[in-house]
Structures are given as C-alpha cells and as structure tokens.
Amino acid sequence: MKCRQVEFPNLTTRRLRQCQALLSEKISVANRRFSLKSILIFPFAGIWQQLEKMYNRPDFENNLRYWTNRTYFDNILTDIYDGQI
C-alpha cells in the first residue's frame, strides 16, 4: 500500500502530487497466504491523553469562561453571539 494523501489539493498553481510513501508490505505466511505488515506507523495521542493535557493546563476553568468576560462594542459584531437571529 502507498499513501494517497495530497498536500494542498485545492491549490490551482500546483499539480496534484500524491505522497506515494510505502505504508505496508506484503509478507508471506504459512500455506501460501499473505499478510500486510505496516512499514510506517503514524503515532497519535488518544482522546484521554488529550483531555488530560487540556484539563491540567493552568487556569483551564477560567479559560472556559473567558468569552463571557469580553468587552462589547456598540454596532460592531465581533462574535457570532453579538447579532440577533
């Protein structure tokens, strides 16, 4: 398998080029069978790790309510909540 990711696919000045890096290879196993073995492993942080990092930030709770303490301007829409529906 090869990577099919295209960087900046909406850019009109570049030709679409796929990454084409090898992701896995076929290896033989018993009785003429094949299996795919990963070559590249893309690490990622799980949801629990991400939440733990977020909650452990200093002043996390205050930052959640930061938008409620912002300054308001007359006749200037600075946020989606400034207008009337």
Protein backbone atom coordinates (compact mmCIF):
# COMPACT_ATOMS: atom_id res chain seq x y z
CA MET A 1 0.00 0.00 0.00
CA LYS A 2 1.10 3.53 -0.73
CA CYS A 3 0.00 6.82 0.78
CA ARG A 4 -2.53 8.71 -1.34
CA GLN A 5 -2.52 11.96 0.63
CA VAL A 6 -2.31 15.11 -1.49
CA GLU A 7 -0.92 18.22 0.18
CA PHE A 8 -2.89 21.37 -0.69
CA PRO A 9 -5.34 19.67 -3.09
CA ASN A 10 -7.26 22.91 -3.78
CA LEU A 11 -4.23 24.85 -4.97
CA THR A 12 -4.52 25.59 -8.68
CA THR A 13 -0.87 26.54 -9.24
CA ARG A 14 0.47 23.10 -8.32
CA ARG A 15 -0.12 19.79 -9.93
CA LEU A 16 -1.74 17.24 -7.68
CA ARG A 17 1.01 15.02 -6.36
CA GLN A 18 0.30 12.12 -4.08
CA CYS A 19 2.71 11.29 -1.28
CA GLN A 20 3.32 7.72 -2.53
CA ALA A 21 5.27 6.68 0.60
CA LEU A 22 5.09 2.96 1.30
CA LEU A 23 2.72 2.24 4.17
CA SER A 24 2.77 -1.55 4.25
CA GLU A 25 4.31 -4.52 2.55
CA LYS A 26 3.06 -7.98 1.75
CA ILE A 27 4.74 -10.75 3.71
CA SER A 28 4.20 -14.44 3.19
CA VAL A 29 2.79 -16.56 5.98
CA ALA A 30 2.04 -20.28 6.17
CA ASN A 31 0.30 -22.15 3.33
CA ARG A 32 0.92 -19.62 0.56
CA ARG A 33 -1.02 -16.91 2.35
CA PHE A 34 -0.03 -13.28 2.61
CA SER A 35 -0.41 -10.66 5.27
CA LEU A 36 0.19 -6.91 5.32
CA LYS A 37 2.92 -5.60 7.62
CA SER A 38 2.97 -1.89 8.47
CA ILE A 39 6.09 0.00 7.47
CA LEU A 40 5.16 3.45 8.66
CA ILE A 41 3.41 3.92 11.96
CA PHE A 42 1.72 7.27 12.47
CA PRO A 43 1.55 7.94 16.21
CA PHE A 44 -1.37 9.85 17.65
CA ALA A 45 -2.49 10.85 21.10
CA GLY A 46 -5.67 9.21 22.32
CA ILE A 47 -8.68 11.16 23.48
CA TRP A 48 -7.95 10.51 27.17
CA GLN A 49 -4.41 11.88 26.80
CA GLN A 50 -5.69 14.97 25.01
CA LEU A 51 -8.36 15.63 27.65
CA GLU A 52 -5.88 15.13 30.48
CA LYS A 53 -3.45 17.62 28.93
CA MET A 54 -6.24 20.12 28.42
CA TYR A 55 -7.60 19.85 31.97
CA ASN A 56 -4.12 20.08 33.50
CA ARG A 57 -3.37 23.43 31.90
CA PRO A 58 -3.12 26.32 34.36
CA ASP A 59 -6.35 28.36 34.64
CA PHE A 60 -8.25 25.87 32.47
CA GLU A 61 -11.61 26.60 34.12
CA ASN A 62 -11.13 30.35 33.82
CA ASN A 63 -10.28 30.00 30.14
CA LEU A 64 -13.55 28.13 29.56
CA ARG A 65 -15.45 31.18 30.74
CA TYR A 66 -13.13 33.73 29.12
CA TRP A 67 -15.60 34.62 26.37
CA THR A 68 -18.22 35.73 28.91
CA ASN A 69 -15.94 38.47 30.28
CA ARG A 70 -15.02 40.08 26.97
CA THR A 71 -15.64 43.73 26.14
CA TYR A 72 -18.60 44.71 23.98
CA PHE A 73 -18.62 47.38 21.28
CA ASP A 74 -21.67 49.27 20.03
CA ASN A 75 -22.65 48.49 16.42
CA ILE A 76 -19.61 46.23 15.88
CA LEU A 77 -20.11 42.49 15.51
CA THR A 78 -17.03 40.73 16.85
CA ASP A 79 -18.60 37.36 17.63
CA ILE A 80 -21.47 35.20 16.42
CA TYR A 81 -23.30 35.91 19.68
CA ASP A 82 -23.26 39.71 19.13
CA GLY A 83 -26.00 39.71 16.49
CA GLN A 84 -29.70 38.98 16.69
CA ILE A 85 -31.16 35.96 14.98
